[in-house]
């Protein structure tokens, strides 16, 4: 029901928005292929990551015989830790190398 309602609102928003005097979101941005692809990846990737975090917390909590929260926290640190290290490196790398090469390498 809510998904169908969201689709209806999106269908109404799409033709009305370009003609607005002050649009909320410029739909012309989707003509840029890099923006479109990165938006699609974000829409798919963020729920997948959050689902992995939720599953990891439930798995860690269920597997912990003592229900010791720091153990579950350690699982999250292992899940997110590489990103804390790689994000500054990748952002500096993007200044020197084409973004298509960085994203094709699988870096975050």
C-alpha atoms as a PDB file:
ATOM      1  CA  UNK A   1       0.000   0.000   0.000  1.00  0.00           C
ATOM      2  CA  UNK A   2       2.673   2.528   0.982  1.00  0.00           C
ATOM      3  CA  UNK A   3       4.854   1.508  -1.980  1.00  0.00           C
ATOM      4  CA  UNK A   4       1.936   2.077  -4.365  1.00  0.00           C
ATOM      5  CA  UNK A   5       1.249   5.452  -2.755  1.00  0.00           C
ATOM      6  CA  UNK A   6       4.921   6.412  -3.152  1.00  0.00           C
ATOM      7  CA  UNK A   7       4.832   5.458  -6.836  1.00  0.00           C
ATOM      8  CA  UNK A   8       1.697   7.586  -7.304  1.00  0.00           C
ATOM      9  CA  UNK A   9       3.351  10.589  -5.656  1.00  0.00           C
ATOM     10  CA  UNK A  10       6.480  10.115  -7.763  1.00  0.00           C
ATOM     11  CA  UNK A  11       4.361   9.903 -10.922  1.00  0.00           C
ATOM     12  CA  UNK A  12       2.679  13.169  -9.952  1.00  0.00           C
ATOM     13  CA  UNK A  13       5.940  14.857  -8.921  1.00  0.00           C
ATOM     14  CA  UNK A  14       7.882  14.079 -12.108  1.00  0.00           C
ATOM     15  CA  UNK A  15       5.814  16.089 -14.632  1.00  0.00           C
ATOM     16  CA  UNK A  16       5.005  18.954 -12.236  1.00  0.00           C
ATOM     17  CA  UNK A  17       8.500  19.622 -10.881  1.00  0.00           C
ATOM     18  CA  UNK A  18      10.269  20.838 -14.071  1.00  0.00           C
ATOM     19  CA  UNK A  19       7.664  23.553 -14.595  1.00  0.00           C
ATOM     20  CA  UNK A  20       7.837  24.901 -11.050  1.00  0.00           C
ATOM     21  CA  UNK A  21       9.319  28.419 -10.694  1.00  0.00           C
ATOM     22  CA  UNK A  22      11.601  27.240  -7.905  1.00  0.00           C
ATOM     23  CA  UNK A  23      11.986  23.442  -8.173  1.00  0.00           C
ATOM     24  CA  UNK A  24      12.785  21.379  -5.083  1.00  0.00           C
ATOM     25  CA  UNK A  25      15.028  19.098  -7.143  1.00  0.00           C
ATOM     26  CA  UNK A  26      16.391  19.794 -10.616  1.00  0.00           C
ATOM     27  CA  UNK A  27      15.507  16.687 -12.618  1.00  0.00           C
ATOM     28  CA  UNK A  28      17.956  17.757 -15.357  1.00  0.00           C
ATOM     29  CA  UNK A  29      20.696  16.365 -13.120  1.00  0.00           C
ATOM     30  CA  UNK A  30      19.677  12.890 -14.259  1.00  0.00           C
ATOM     31  CA  UNK A  31      20.913  13.718 -17.768  1.00  0.00           C
ATOM     32  CA  UNK A  32      24.410  13.392 -16.317  1.00  0.00           C
ATOM     33  CA  UNK A  33      25.226   9.686 -16.552  1.00  0.00           C
ATOM     34  CA  UNK A  34      27.627   9.726 -13.600  1.00  0.00           C
ATOM     35  CA  UNK A  35      25.006  11.331 -11.357  1.00  0.00           C
ATOM     36  CA  UNK A  36      22.330   8.855 -12.455  1.00  0.00           C
ATOM     37  CA  UNK A  37      24.528   5.810 -11.885  1.00  0.00           C
ATOM     38  CA  UNK A  38      25.776   7.033  -8.517  1.00  0.00           C
ATOM     39  CA  UNK A  39      22.194   7.765  -7.434  1.00  0.00           C
ATOM     40  CA  UNK A  40      21.075   4.271  -8.395  1.00  0.00           C
ATOM     41  CA  UNK A  41      24.042   2.744  -6.589  1.00  0.00           C
ATOM     42  CA  UNK A  42      23.239   4.811  -3.478  1.00  0.00           C
ATOM     43  CA  UNK A  43      19.565   3.815  -3.554  1.00  0.00           C
ATOM     44  CA  UNK A  44      20.553   0.150  -3.712  1.00  0.00           C
ATOM     45  CA  UNK A  45      23.689   0.292  -1.573  1.00  0.00           C
ATOM     46  CA  UNK A  46      22.465   2.177   1.485  1.00  0.00           C
ATOM     47  CA  UNK A  47      19.556  -0.186   2.282  1.00  0.00           C
ATOM     48  CA  UNK A  48      21.845  -3.150   1.627  1.00  0.00           C
ATOM     49  CA  UNK A  49      24.431  -1.780   4.055  1.00  0.00           C
ATOM     50  CA  UNK A  50      21.825  -0.985   6.697  1.00  0.00           C
ATOM     51  CA  UNK A  51      20.333  -4.453   6.271  1.00  0.00           C
ATOM     52  CA  UNK A  52      23.793  -5.950   6.736  1.00  0.00           C
ATOM     53  CA  UNK A  53      24.266  -3.885   9.910  1.00  0.00           C
ATOM     54  CA  UNK A  54      20.923  -5.021  11.289  1.00  0.00           C
ATOM     55  CA  UNK A  55      21.596  -8.660  10.411  1.00  0.00           C
ATOM     56  CA  UNK A  56      25.071  -8.464  11.903  1.00  0.00           C
ATOM     57  CA  UNK A  57      23.722  -7.023  15.155  1.00  0.00           C
ATOM     58  CA  UNK A  58      21.045  -9.707  15.444  1.00  0.00           C
ATOM     59  CA  UNK A  59      23.509 -12.461  14.558  1.00  0.00           C
ATOM     60  CA  UNK A  60      26.113 -11.137  16.992  1.00  0.00           C
ATOM     61  CA  UNK A  61      23.574 -10.746  19.775  1.00  0.00           C
ATOM     62  CA  UNK A  62      22.124 -14.222  19.226  1.00  0.00           C
ATOM     63  CA  UNK A  63      25.550 -15.880  19.015  1.00  0.00           C
ATOM     64  CA  UNK A  64      26.834 -14.181  22.145  1.00  0.00           C
ATOM     65  CA  UNK A  65      26.181 -16.525  25.041  1.00  0.00           C
ATOM     66  CA  UNK A  66      26.636 -13.750  27.599  1.00  0.00           C
ATOM     67  CA  UNK A  67      24.770 -11.082  25.578  1.00  0.00           C
ATOM     68  CA  UNK A  68      27.822  -8.865  26.013  1.00  0.00           C
ATOM     69  CA  UNK A  69      27.237  -5.628  24.004  1.00  0.00           C
ATOM     70  CA  UNK A  70      30.928  -4.823  23.384  1.00  0.00           C
ATOM     71  CA  UNK A  71      31.198  -8.057  21.421  1.00  0.00           C
ATOM     72  CA  UNK A  72      28.469  -6.875  19.057  1.00  0.00           C
ATOM     73  CA  UNK A  73      30.203  -3.478  18.912  1.00  0.00           C
ATOM     74  CA  UNK A  74      33.387  -5.216  17.798  1.00  0.00           C
ATOM     75  CA  UNK A  75      31.478  -6.790  14.902  1.00  0.00           C
ATOM     76  CA  UNK A  76      30.340  -3.322  13.813  1.00  0.00           C
ATOM     77  CA  UNK A  77      33.872  -2.010  14.108  1.00  0.00           C
ATOM     78  CA  UNK A  78      35.065  -4.794  11.803  1.00  0.00           C
ATOM     79  CA  UNK A  79      32.251  -3.985   9.397  1.00  0.00           C
ATOM     80  CA  UNK A  80      32.774  -0.210   9.341  1.00  0.00           C
ATOM     81  CA  UNK A  81      36.448   0.060  10.307  1.00  0.00           C
ATOM     82  CA  UNK A  82      37.896  -0.281   6.802  1.00  0.00           C
ATOM     83  CA  UNK A  83      35.698   2.583   5.597  1.00  0.00           C
ATOM     84  CA  UNK A  84      37.094   4.903   8.283  1.00  0.00           C
ATOM     85  CA  UNK A  85      40.576   4.170   6.959  1.00  0.00           C
ATOM     86  CA  UNK A  86      39.794   4.116   3.233  1.00  0.00           C
ATOM     87  CA  UNK A  87      37.507   7.152   2.846  1.00  0.00           C
ATOM     88  CA  UNK A  88      40.268   9.774   3.389  1.00  0.00           C
ATOM     89  CA  UNK A  89      42.626   7.838   1.107  1.00  0.00           C
ATOM     90  CA  UNK A  90      40.042   7.491  -1.663  1.00  0.00           C
ATOM     91  CA  UNK A  91      39.057  11.161  -1.432  1.00  0.00           C
ATOM     92  CA  UNK A  92      42.704  12.188  -1.975  1.00  0.00           C
ATOM     93  CA  UNK A  93      43.011   9.649  -4.771  1.00  0.00           C
ATOM     94  CA  UNK A  94      39.977  11.147  -6.551  1.00  0.00           C
ATOM     95  CA  UNK A  95      41.885  14.429  -6.904  1.00  0.00           C
ATOM     96  CA  UNK A  96      44.621  12.661  -8.890  1.00  0.00           C
ATOM     97  CA  UNK A  97      42.890   9.800 -10.726  1.00  0.00           C
ATOM     98  CA  UNK A  98      39.711   9.630 -12.825  1.00  0.00           C
ATOM     99  CA  UNK A  99      36.648   8.783 -10.742  1.00  0.00           C
ATOM    100  CA  UNK A 100      35.703   5.984 -13.138  1.00  0.00           C
ATOM    101  CA  UNK A 101      38.966   4.171 -12.366  1.00  0.00           C
ATOM    102  CA  UNK A 102      38.489   4.524  -8.611  1.00  0.00           C
ATOM    103  CA  UNK A 103      34.888   3.321  -8.676  1.00  0.00           C
ATOM    104  CA  UNK A 104      35.783   0.434 -10.996  1.00  0.00           C
ATOM    105  CA  UNK A 105      38.421  -0.716  -8.500  1.00  0.00           C
ATOM    106  CA  UNK A 106      35.742  -1.305  -5.860  1.00  0.00           C
ATOM    107  CA  UNK A 107      36.937   1.299  -3.379  1.00  0.00           C
ATOM    108  CA  UNK A 108      34.233   2.798  -1.128  1.00  0.00           C
END
